[in-house]
Amino acid sequence: MSQDDERDRIYDPMIYDIMREIANQVIGRYLVWQRAATGREAQHWQDERIRTRLAVEAVNADSRRAVEAKTAELRETLRHMPEHAPAFA
């Protein structure tokens, strides 16, 4: 195993918890939007919740790089999410 591989594998596990917490915030926002919607719109937000959850579960917990990349992605998603659901097209 190379040094880069070793450094990627050994990291503070708290960053994984941070990734999961940010994911919970994103998923929670989708849930609020889903509950405020009906029909196709509600289904769309449910699908987004499930997609996000599955994407987070697919992250290799042993890879610092993978965890950091998903955390950055989730932070950007959360940062751009308005309080109320955007208009549904």
C-alpha atoms as a PDB file:
ATOM      1  CA  MET A   1       0.000   0.000   0.000  1.00  0.00           C
ATOM      2  CA  SER A   2       1.390   3.397  -0.953  1.00  0.00           C
ATOM      3  CA  GLN A   3       1.708   6.292   1.488  1.00  0.00           C
ATOM      4  CA  ASP A   4      -1.110   8.128  -0.311  1.00  0.00           C
ATOM      5  CA  ASP A   5      -3.379   5.113   0.081  1.00  0.00           C
ATOM      6  CA  GLU A   6      -2.456   4.837   3.744  1.00  0.00           C
ATOM      7  CA  ARG A   7      -3.139   8.547   4.373  1.00  0.00           C
ATOM      8  CA  ASP A   8      -6.486   8.207   2.620  1.00  0.00           C
ATOM      9  CA  ARG A   9      -7.429   5.291   4.861  1.00  0.00           C
ATOM     10  CA  ILE A  10      -6.337   6.712   8.224  1.00  0.00           C
ATOM     11  CA  TYR A  11      -8.273   9.795   9.283  1.00  0.00           C
ATOM     12  CA  ASP A  12     -10.324  11.226  12.135  1.00  0.00           C
ATOM     13  CA  PRO A  13     -13.653   9.360  11.928  1.00  0.00           C
ATOM     14  CA  MET A  14     -15.512  12.480  13.060  1.00  0.00           C
ATOM     15  CA  ILE A  15     -15.444  13.763   9.480  1.00  0.00           C
ATOM     16  CA  TYR A  16     -17.658  10.812   8.527  1.00  0.00           C
ATOM     17  CA  ASP A  17     -20.122  11.857  11.243  1.00  0.00           C
ATOM     18  CA  ILE A  18     -20.044  15.418   9.937  1.00  0.00           C
ATOM     19  CA  MET A  19     -20.859  14.154   6.435  1.00  0.00           C
ATOM     20  CA  ARG A  20     -23.805  12.165   7.809  1.00  0.00           C
ATOM     21  CA  GLU A  21     -25.099  15.152   9.798  1.00  0.00           C
ATOM     22  CA  ILE A  22     -25.006  17.446   6.765  1.00  0.00           C
ATOM     23  CA  ALA A  23     -26.777  14.725   4.778  1.00  0.00           C
ATOM     24  CA  ASN A  24     -29.467  14.593   7.479  1.00  0.00           C
ATOM     25  CA  GLN A  25     -29.981  18.339   7.120  1.00  0.00           C
ATOM     26  CA  VAL A  26     -30.357  18.060   3.330  1.00  0.00           C
ATOM     27  CA  ILE A  27     -32.687  15.063   3.663  1.00  0.00           C
ATOM     28  CA  GLY A  28     -34.691  16.876   6.325  1.00  0.00           C
ATOM     29  CA  ARG A  29     -35.202  19.861   4.044  1.00  0.00           C
ATOM     30  CA  TYR A  30     -36.442  17.538   1.292  1.00  0.00           C
ATOM     31  CA  LEU A  31     -38.822  15.941   3.800  1.00  0.00           C
ATOM     32  CA  VAL A  32     -40.268  19.337   4.761  1.00  0.00           C
ATOM     33  CA  TRP A  33     -40.742  20.146   1.091  1.00  0.00           C
ATOM     34  CA  GLN A  34     -42.315  16.744   0.447  1.00  0.00           C
ATOM     35  CA  ARG A  35     -44.819  17.179   3.269  1.00  0.00           C
ATOM     36  CA  ALA A  36     -45.808  20.614   1.983  1.00  0.00           C
ATOM     37  CA  ALA A  37     -46.433  19.274  -1.533  1.00  0.00           C
ATOM     38  CA  THR A  38     -48.855  16.925  -3.243  1.00  0.00           C
ATOM     39  CA  GLY A  39     -48.811  14.543  -6.183  1.00  0.00           C
ATOM     40  CA  ARG A  40     -45.847  14.654  -8.550  1.00  0.00           C
ATOM     41  CA  GLU A  41     -44.109  17.357  -6.564  1.00  0.00           C
ATOM     42  CA  ALA A  42     -44.250  15.343  -3.332  1.00  0.00           C
ATOM     43  CA  GLN A  43     -42.942  12.303  -5.199  1.00  0.00           C
ATOM     44  CA  HIS A  44     -40.086  14.358  -6.628  1.00  0.00           C
ATOM     45  CA  TRP A  45     -38.918  15.467  -3.165  1.00  0.00           C
ATOM     46  CA  GLN A  46     -39.259  11.928  -1.834  1.00  0.00           C
ATOM     47  CA  ASP A  47     -37.095  10.707  -4.726  1.00  0.00           C
ATOM     48  CA  GLU A  48     -34.500  13.381  -3.903  1.00  0.00           C
ATOM     49  CA  ARG A  49     -34.466  12.255  -0.272  1.00  0.00           C
ATOM     50  CA  ILE A  50     -33.915   8.643  -1.267  1.00  0.00           C
ATOM     51  CA  ARG A  51     -31.292   9.544  -3.883  1.00  0.00           C
ATOM     52  CA  THR A  52     -29.345  11.572  -1.320  1.00  0.00           C
ATOM     53  CA  ARG A  53     -29.541   8.843   1.320  1.00  0.00           C
ATOM     54  CA  LEU A  54     -28.338   6.175  -1.106  1.00  0.00           C
ATOM     55  CA  ALA A  55     -25.498   8.383  -2.361  1.00  0.00           C
ATOM     56  CA  VAL A  56     -24.294   8.952   1.200  1.00  0.00           C
ATOM     57  CA  GLU A  57     -24.540   5.260   2.040  1.00  0.00           C
ATOM     58  CA  ALA A  58     -22.452   4.475  -1.046  1.00  0.00           C
ATOM     59  CA  VAL A  59     -19.511   6.572   0.187  1.00  0.00           C
ATOM     60  CA  ASN A  60     -16.517   4.451   1.132  1.00  0.00           C
ATOM     61  CA  ALA A  61     -16.210   5.136   4.860  1.00  0.00           C
ATOM     62  CA  ASP A  62     -12.565   4.024   4.735  1.00  0.00           C
ATOM     63  CA  SER A  63     -11.643   6.722   2.219  1.00  0.00           C
ATOM     64  CA  ARG A  64     -10.959  10.157   3.634  1.00  0.00           C
ATOM     65  CA  ARG A  65     -11.005  11.602   0.110  1.00  0.00           C
ATOM     66  CA  ALA A  66     -14.421  10.112  -0.649  1.00  0.00           C
ATOM     67  CA  VAL A  67     -15.869  11.358   2.651  1.00  0.00           C
ATOM     68  CA  GLU A  68     -14.430  14.848   2.166  1.00  0.00           C
ATOM     69  CA  ALA A  69     -15.700  15.032  -1.419  1.00  0.00           C
ATOM     70  CA  LYS A  70     -19.239  14.006  -0.464  1.00  0.00           C
ATOM     71  CA  THR A  71     -19.178  16.398   2.512  1.00  0.00           C
ATOM     72  CA  ALA A  72     -18.214  19.287   0.223  1.00  0.00           C
ATOM     73  CA  GLU A  73     -20.967  18.336  -2.228  1.00  0.00           C
ATOM     74  CA  LEU A  74     -23.578  18.151   0.534  1.00  0.00           C
ATOM     75  CA  ARG A  75     -22.466  21.485   2.020  1.00  0.00           C
ATOM     76  CA  GLU A  76     -22.926  23.154  -1.365  1.00  0.00           C
ATOM     77  CA  THR A  77     -26.335  21.556  -1.805  1.00  0.00           C
ATOM     78  CA  LEU A  78     -27.452  22.698   1.649  1.00  0.00           C
ATOM     79  CA  ARG A  79     -25.991  26.168   1.158  1.00  0.00           C
ATOM     80  CA  HIS A  80     -28.070  26.681  -1.995  1.00  0.00           C
ATOM     81  CA  MET A  81     -31.314  25.213  -0.637  1.00  0.00           C
ATOM     82  CA  PRO A  82     -33.972  27.847   0.057  1.00  0.00           C
ATOM     83  CA  GLU A  83     -36.175  27.527   3.143  1.00  0.00           C
ATOM     84  CA  HIS A  84     -39.204  26.745   1.002  1.00  0.00           C
ATOM     85  CA  ALA A  85     -39.307  24.410  -1.961  1.00  0.00           C
ATOM     86  CA  PRO A  86     -38.452  26.007  -5.278  1.00  0.00           C
ATOM     87  CA  ALA A  87     -41.241  26.282  -7.822  1.00  0.00           C
ATOM     88  CA  PHE A  88     -41.838  22.905  -9.353  1.00  0.00           C
ATOM     89  CA  ALA A  89     -41.858  22.743 -13.134  1.00  0.00           C
END
